[in-house]
Amino acid sequence: MYSRAARPLAAAFAAGAAVDSQRRARCEMRTVTCTGNTAHTHDVRKITFQMPQPGRWTAGGPIVNMLVQATPELKRPYNPLSTDENGSFTLLVKRYENAKMGTVLHELPVGGTIEVKGPNQQWTYKQGDVKHFALVAGGTGITPLFQLAQHALANDGAHVTLVTFNKSTSDILLAAELAELQTKYPGRLTVTHVVEGGLETGAISTTTAMLEGAVSTQVVRQGKPSTQLLSELLPCPSNDVKVMVFGRPPRASA
């Protein structure tokens, strides 16, 4: 029988063992099962996987990724849409022309399995250090920034300005999910979608949705990545503004 003095020590050892187990799990490949595979746009799908054990898999955010392995020779990292899902995670996967991994995941049936390792923390910050996040996303580069936006809005007092770049209005990603964040955190999330085509030259339109009694507004305008455009859409540089850019060149180099 444990003495009263020994009980806290035993609890500490148990907690330490649990942490070590979680760390080992993050370093090992685990089999996960597809529980949903639905179209998001014409070439992007939302694919949800169930972890082998219940519990939160997150590495703490605000930006993490998972290494996804279809075969020992075919693997790549993906940023799940959320860092706080209980026992599951959802990927936003674009299938590029001749893309092997994208094809495997797009064609994965419900009940199918793949191997994953992680989560791996890509970036973090000290809460309170950033007053305004200025986020620029090209295509599926929105996924790590969507993670960050969720984390900052839920756990910090920071404002978030998000600018996305896509080829056309049909390529815009996560508009409904962003609308939900706007209604949940009113006045703290500004979203502008910039598209190369699909609108008249110089046109600007406003997309308004009513969710749970609150109004969500996102601006859609035509244009291409440029320093001038970003200086117009993003907050002015300062010590408490953090600019983050994710996406393929040339969007990431603007």
Protein backbone atom coordinates (compact mmCIF):
# COMPACT_ATOMS: atom_id res chain seq x y z
CA MET A 1 0.00 0.00 0.00
CA TYR A 2 1.26 3.49 -0.86
CA SER A 3 1.82 5.97 1.90
CA ARG A 4 0.28 9.42 1.53
CA ALA A 5 3.69 10.85 0.69
CA ALA A 6 4.26 8.22 -1.99
CA ARG A 7 0.97 8.78 -3.77
CA PRO A 8 1.92 12.10 -5.41
CA LEU A 9 5.22 10.58 -6.51
CA ALA A 10 3.43 7.58 -8.01
CA ALA A 11 1.04 9.90 -9.82
CA ALA A 12 3.97 11.89 -11.19
CA PHE A 13 5.61 8.70 -12.47
CA ALA A 14 2.34 7.65 -14.11
CA ALA A 15 1.94 11.04 -15.77
CA GLY A 16 5.54 10.91 -16.97
CA ALA A 17 5.00 7.45 -18.43
CA ALA A 18 1.92 8.69 -20.29
CA VAL A 19 3.88 11.61 -21.75
CA ASP A 20 6.69 9.28 -22.83
CA SER A 21 4.13 7.01 -24.48
CA GLN A 22 2.67 9.95 -26.41
CA ARG A 23 6.15 11.03 -27.53
CA ARG A 24 6.99 7.53 -28.74
CA ALA A 25 3.69 7.39 -30.63
CA ARG A 26 4.50 10.63 -32.42
CA CYS A 27 7.80 9.12 -33.58
CA GLU A 28 6.28 5.89 -34.88
CA MET A 29 4.18 5.14 -37.93
CA ARG A 30 0.57 4.39 -37.00
CA THR A 31 -2.24 2.96 -39.09
CA VAL A 32 -5.26 5.25 -39.44
CA THR A 33 -8.60 4.48 -41.06
CA CYS A 34 -10.45 6.68 -43.54
CA THR A 35 -13.91 7.59 -42.21
CA GLY A 36 -14.82 10.21 -44.82
CA ASN A 37 -13.68 11.31 -48.27
CA THR A 38 -15.75 14.10 -49.80
CA ALA A 39 -15.27 16.64 -52.58
CA HIS A 40 -14.48 20.19 -51.44
CA THR A 41 -13.79 21.70 -54.88
CA HIS A 42 -13.28 20.18 -58.34
CA ASP A 43 -9.72 19.06 -57.45
CA VAL A 44 -9.60 19.23 -53.64
CA ARG A 45 -11.08 16.71 -51.22
CA LYS A 46 -11.63 16.63 -47.47
CA ILE A 47 -10.41 13.32 -46.08
CA THR A 48 -10.98 12.35 -42.43
CA PHE A 49 -9.05 9.65 -40.57
CA GLN A 50 -9.68 7.92 -37.25
CA MET A 51 -6.70 7.40 -34.98
CA PRO A 52 -6.11 3.89 -33.57
CA GLN A 53 -6.66 5.08 -29.98
CA PRO A 54 -9.09 7.73 -28.69
CA GLY A 55 -7.72 10.95 -27.27
CA ARG A 56 -6.32 14.21 -28.54
CA TRP A 57 -3.44 13.77 -30.95
CA THR A 58 -2.42 17.43 -31.14
CA ALA A 59 1.14 18.53 -30.38
CA GLY A 60 -0.26 21.72 -28.91
CA GLY A 61 -0.43 23.85 -32.04
CA PRO A 62 -0.65 26.42 -33.31
CA ILE A 63 0.80 24.86 -36.50
CA VAL A 64 1.47 21.13 -36.76
CA ASN A 65 1.70 18.57 -39.53
CA MET A 66 1.43 14.82 -39.99
CA LEU A 67 3.72 12.72 -42.18
CA VAL A 68 1.43 10.64 -44.39
CA GLN A 69 2.81 7.46 -45.96
CA ALA A 70 1.06 5.53 -48.71
CA THR A 71 4.07 3.25 -49.33
CA PRO A 72 7.62 3.31 -47.92
CA GLU A 73 8.65 5.24 -51.03
CA LEU A 74 5.61 7.54 -51.17
CA LYS A 75 5.21 9.95 -48.26
CA ARG A 76 4.71 13.64 -47.63
CA PRO A 77 3.63 15.97 -44.79
CA TYR A 78 0.15 17.47 -44.57
CA ASN A 79 -1.30 20.07 -42.22
CA PRO A 80 -4.59 18.86 -40.73
CA LEU A 81 -7.42 21.39 -40.64
CA SER A 82 -7.55 21.39 -36.85
CA THR A 83 -5.08 20.80 -34.04
CA ASP A 84 -7.82 19.99 -31.54
CA GLU A 85 -9.81 17.08 -32.94
CA ASN A 86 -10.50 14.24 -30.55
CA GLY A 87 -9.29 10.96 -31.99
CA SER A 88 -9.41 12.03 -35.63
CA PHE A 89 -7.94 14.49 -38.11
CA THR A 90 -9.03 15.89 -41.47
CA LEU A 91 -6.77 16.68 -44.41
CA LEU A 92 -7.49 19.05 -47.29
CA VAL A 93 -5.84 17.35 -50.28
CA LYS A 94 -5.40 18.81 -53.74
CA ARG A 95 -4.71 16.44 -56.62
CA TYR A 96 -2.21 17.98 -59.04
CA GLU A 97 -1.66 16.55 -62.49
CA ASN A 98 0.37 13.33 -62.26
CA ALA A 99 0.53 13.65 -58.45
CA LYS A 100 1.00 10.20 -56.93
CA MET A 101 0.13 10.97 -53.29
CA GLY A 102 -2.83 13.17 -54.19
CA THR A 103 -4.21 10.41 -56.41
CA VAL A 104 -3.83 7.76 -53.70
CA LEU A 105 -5.62 9.90 -51.12
CA HIS A 106 -8.37 11.08 -53.48
CA GLU A 107 -9.14 7.48 -54.36
CA LEU A 108 -8.91 6.12 -50.80
CA PRO A 109 -12.27 4.52 -49.88
CA VAL A 110 -13.98 4.78 -46.53
CA GLY A 111 -12.51 1.93 -44.48
CA GLY A 112 -9.19 2.16 -46.30
CA THR A 113 -6.01 2.68 -44.29
CA ILE A 114 -2.73 4.57 -44.55
CA GLU A 115 0.25 5.13 -42.25
CA VAL A 116 0.95 8.42 -40.46
CA LYS A 117 3.60 9.76 -38.11
CA GLY A 118 3.30 12.79 -35.90
CA PRO A 119 2.06 15.28 -35.07
CA ASN A 120 5.11 17.46 -35.60
CA GLN A 121 5.05 21.04 -34.37
CA GLN A 122 6.14 23.41 -37.15
CA TRP A 123 5.81 26.74 -35.41
CA THR A 124 4.70 28.28 -32.14
CA TYR A 125 4.68 31.63 -30.40
CA LYS A 126 4.24 33.12 -26.95
CA GLN A 127 0.64 34.03 -26.23
CA GLY A 128 0.17 37.78 -26.06
CA ASP A 129 3.24 38.64 -28.16
CA VAL A 130 1.21 39.13 -31.36
CA LYS A 131 -1.68 41.60 -31.56
CA HIS A 132 -2.50 41.05 -35.23
CA PHE A 133 -1.74 38.09 -37.51
CA ALA A 134 -1.42 38.98 -41.21
CA LEU A 135 -1.79 35.68 -43.07
CA VAL A 136 -1.28 35.14 -46.80
CA ALA A 137 -2.26 31.79 -48.33
CA GLY A 138 -1.78 30.45 -51.84
CA GLY A 139 -4.10 27.54 -52.65
CA THR A 140 -3.86 24.72 -50.11
CA GLY A 141 -1.25 26.77 -48.27
CA ILE A 142 -4.30 27.91 -46.36
CA THR A 143 -4.28 24.77 -44.16
CA PRO A 144 -1.49 25.71 -41.71
CA LEU A 145 -2.83 29.27 -41.55
CA PHE A 146 -6.34 27.98 -40.87
CA GLN A 147 -4.85 26.05 -37.94
CA LEU A 148 -3.19 29.22 -36.69
CA ALA A 149 -6.33 31.32 -37.11
CA GLN A 150 -8.38 28.85 -35.06
CA HIS A 151 -5.73 28.74 -32.35
CA ALA A 152 -5.23 32.51 -32.13
CA LEU A 153 -8.94 33.30 -32.10
CA ALA A 154 -9.70 30.68 -29.44
CA ASN A 155 -6.72 31.17 -27.15
CA ASP A 156 -5.51 34.72 -27.66
CA GLY A 157 -6.93 38.19 -28.11
CA ALA A 158 -5.24 38.72 -31.45
CA HIS A 159 -6.98 39.88 -34.61
CA VAL A 160 -6.48 37.87 -37.80
CA THR A 161 -6.40 39.17 -41.37
CA LEU A 162 -6.35 36.44 -44.00
CA VAL A 163 -5.73 36.97 -47.71
CA THR A 164 -6.04 33.95 -50.00
CA PHE A 165 -4.94 33.65 -53.63
CA ASN A 166 -6.58 31.22 -56.06
CA LYS A 167 -7.07 30.86 -59.80
CA SER A 168 -10.84 31.31 -59.80
CA THR A 169 -13.84 31.60 -57.52
CA SER A 170 -14.42 27.83 -57.86
CA ASP A 171 -10.96 27.25 -56.31
CA ILE A 172 -11.64 29.20 -53.10
CA LEU A 173 -11.07 26.93 -50.11
CA LEU A 174 -12.69 26.76 -46.65
CA ALA A 175 -15.06 29.68 -47.20
CA ALA A 176 -17.78 28.07 -45.06
CA GLU A 177 -15.33 27.14 -42.31
CA LEU A 178 -13.95 30.69 -42.25
CA ALA A 179 -17.50 32.02 -42.07
CA GLU A 180 -18.08 29.92 -38.97
CA LEU A 181 -15.00 31.44 -37.33
CA GLN A 182 -16.18 34.94 -38.24
CA THR A 183 -19.53 34.39 -36.58
CA LYS A 184 -17.95 32.75 -33.54
CA TYR A 185 -15.39 35.56 -33.09
CA PRO A 186 -17.14 38.67 -34.47
CA GLY A 187 -14.93 41.54 -35.55
CA ARG A 188 -11.67 39.63 -35.15
CA LEU A 189 -11.28 37.83 -38.50
CA THR A 190 -11.07 39.66 -41.83
CA VAL A 191 -11.02 37.53 -44.99
CA THR A 192 -10.27 38.56 -48.57
CA HIS A 193 -10.15 36.04 -51.43
CA VAL A 194 -8.15 37.21 -54.45
CA VAL A 195 -8.78 35.31 -57.69
CA GLU A 196 -6.99 35.56 -61.04
CA GLY A 197 -10.16 35.00 -63.08
CA GLY A 198 -13.89 34.57 -62.80
CA LEU A 199 -14.69 38.22 -62.10
CA GLU A 200 -14.68 41.29 -64.31
CA THR A 201 -11.37 43.16 -64.33
CA GLY A 202 -11.07 45.19 -61.16
CA ALA A 203 -14.32 43.81 -59.78
CA ILE A 204 -14.86 43.41 -56.05
CA SER A 205 -17.75 41.42 -54.62
CA THR A 206 -18.86 40.70 -51.09
CA THR A 207 -20.03 37.28 -49.95
CA THR A 208 -22.35 37.45 -46.96
CA ALA A 209 -23.69 34.45 -45.08
CA MET A 210 -26.02 34.15 -42.10
CA LEU A 211 -24.84 31.54 -39.63
CA GLU A 212 -26.47 30.97 -36.25
CA GLY A 213 -27.99 34.42 -36.37
CA ALA A 214 -24.71 36.20 -37.10
CA VAL A 215 -23.47 37.69 -40.35
CA SER A 216 -20.23 36.55 -41.96
CA THR A 217 -18.68 38.74 -44.65
CA GLN A 218 -15.84 37.79 -46.99
CA VAL A 219 -14.57 39.91 -49.85
CA VAL A 220 -13.79 38.39 -53.26
CA ARG A 221 -11.78 40.45 -55.74
CA GLN A 222 -9.83 39.89 -58.93
CA GLY A 223 -6.08 40.34 -58.96
CA LYS A 224 -2.68 38.69 -58.69
CA PRO A 225 -0.10 38.60 -55.90
CA SER A 226 1.82 41.86 -55.67
CA THR A 227 3.46 44.00 -53.03
CA GLN A 228 1.03 46.82 -53.79
CA LEU A 229 -2.04 44.62 -53.33
CA LEU A 230 -0.78 43.08 -50.10
CA SER A 231 0.10 46.49 -48.64
CA GLU A 232 -3.52 47.48 -49.32
CA LEU A 233 -5.06 44.38 -47.74
CA LEU A 234 -2.78 43.69 -44.78
CA PRO A 235 -2.29 45.70 -41.58
CA CYS A 236 0.58 48.18 -41.47
CA PRO A 237 3.90 46.66 -40.33
CA SER A 238 4.68 46.99 -36.63
CA ASN A 239 6.39 45.07 -33.84
CA ASP A 240 3.16 43.38 -32.77
CA VAL A 241 2.05 42.34 -36.29
CA LYS A 242 3.14 38.89 -37.45
CA VAL A 243 3.14 38.22 -41.20
CA MET A 244 3.05 34.58 -42.32
CA VAL A 245 2.95 33.29 -45.91
CA PHE A 246 2.24 29.74 -47.07
CA GLY A 247 1.83 28.66 -50.68
CA ARG A 248 3.59 27.81 -53.90
CA PRO A 249 5.63 30.41 -55.81
CA PRO A 250 4.90 32.96 -57.22
CA ARG A 251 2.21 33.53 -54.59
CA ALA A 252 4.69 33.05 -51.76
CA SER A 253 7.24 35.41 -53.32
CA ALA A 254 4.97 38.42 -53.80
